[in-house]
């Protein structure tokens, strides 16, 4: 996955970020590392009837102890 900008604040540099690529059928989840400025794909969470699996998303946030969440909204599949 692409790199995200290196964070200047030392607290943010040591943070773990979860990124969510929202879709009505699937939500792609990536984990980012503030120290290295990199992110990698983690998993995909399925939605049912366009409703995210909130329990699975909550589990991921707690499991990875994310201090920041980033949600992307694709406006075009082109």
Protein backbone atom coordinates (compact mmCIF):
# COMPACT_ATOMS: atom_id res chain seq x y z
CA UNK A 1 0.00 0.00 0.00
CA UNK A 2 1.02 3.62 -0.29
CA UNK A 3 2.94 5.44 2.37
CA UNK A 4 1.21 8.10 4.43
CA UNK A 5 3.02 11.30 5.47
CA UNK A 6 5.50 10.86 8.31
CA UNK A 7 4.01 12.30 11.45
CA UNK A 8 6.00 15.02 13.21
CA UNK A 9 4.63 14.72 16.73
CA UNK A 10 6.46 11.94 18.62
CA UNK A 11 3.19 10.69 20.13
CA UNK A 12 1.72 10.34 16.66
CA UNK A 13 4.92 8.75 15.33
CA UNK A 14 4.48 5.90 17.78
CA UNK A 15 0.81 5.44 16.98
CA UNK A 16 -0.94 2.65 15.14
CA UNK A 17 -3.45 3.72 12.50
CA UNK A 18 -6.22 1.61 11.01
CA UNK A 19 -7.43 2.64 7.58
CA UNK A 20 -10.81 1.63 6.23
CA UNK A 21 -11.61 1.68 2.51
CA UNK A 22 -15.39 1.76 2.69
CA UNK A 23 -17.57 -0.05 0.21
CA UNK A 24 -21.21 -1.16 0.37
CA UNK A 25 -20.25 -4.83 -0.02
CA UNK A 26 -16.74 -4.95 1.47
CA UNK A 27 -14.55 -2.76 3.64
CA UNK A 28 -10.82 -3.07 3.12
CA UNK A 29 -8.80 -2.66 6.31
CA UNK A 30 -5.13 -1.66 6.46
CA UNK A 31 -2.82 -1.06 9.40
CA UNK A 32 -0.39 1.84 9.36
CA UNK A 33 2.72 2.47 11.43
CA UNK A 34 3.45 6.08 12.36
CA UNK A 35 7.15 5.34 13.02
CA UNK A 36 7.85 3.99 9.53
CA UNK A 37 5.17 5.90 7.64
CA UNK A 38 4.00 2.71 5.94
CA UNK A 39 0.75 0.79 5.77
CA UNK A 40 -0.16 -2.75 4.74
CA UNK A 41 -3.38 -4.53 3.91
CA UNK A 42 -4.83 -6.37 6.90
CA UNK A 43 -8.18 -7.90 6.00
CA UNK A 44 -11.56 -7.37 4.39
CA UNK A 45 -14.79 -7.02 6.35
CA UNK A 46 -18.03 -7.88 4.59
CA UNK A 47 -21.19 -5.81 4.77
CA UNK A 48 -24.66 -7.32 4.78
CA UNK A 49 -27.44 -5.36 3.06
CA UNK A 50 -25.04 -2.39 2.85
CA UNK A 51 -24.58 -2.42 6.65
CA UNK A 52 -21.03 -2.90 7.96
CA UNK A 53 -20.27 -5.72 10.39
CA UNK A 54 -19.80 -3.35 13.33
CA UNK A 55 -18.82 -6.14 15.72
CA UNK A 56 -15.97 -7.26 13.45
CA UNK A 57 -14.78 -3.66 12.98
CA UNK A 58 -14.88 -3.08 16.75
CA UNK A 59 -12.91 -6.28 17.30
CA UNK A 60 -10.20 -5.15 14.87
CA UNK A 61 -9.90 -1.71 16.48
CA UNK A 62 -9.54 -3.25 19.95
CA UNK A 63 -7.20 -6.03 18.79
CA UNK A 64 -4.81 -3.67 17.02
CA UNK A 65 -5.15 -0.99 19.74
CA UNK A 66 -5.52 1.69 17.11
CA UNK A 67 -5.02 5.25 18.27
CA UNK A 68 -6.19 6.74 14.97
CA UNK A 69 -8.82 5.71 12.43
CA UNK A 70 -8.89 6.85 8.81
CA UNK A 71 -11.90 6.21 6.59
CA UNK A 72 -11.72 6.54 2.82
CA UNK A 73 -14.78 7.02 0.67
CA UNK A 74 -14.27 5.99 -2.95
CA UNK A 75 -16.29 8.29 -5.16
CA UNK A 76 -15.34 6.60 -8.40
CA UNK A 77 -14.24 3.10 -9.29
CA UNK A 78 -12.45 4.36 -12.43
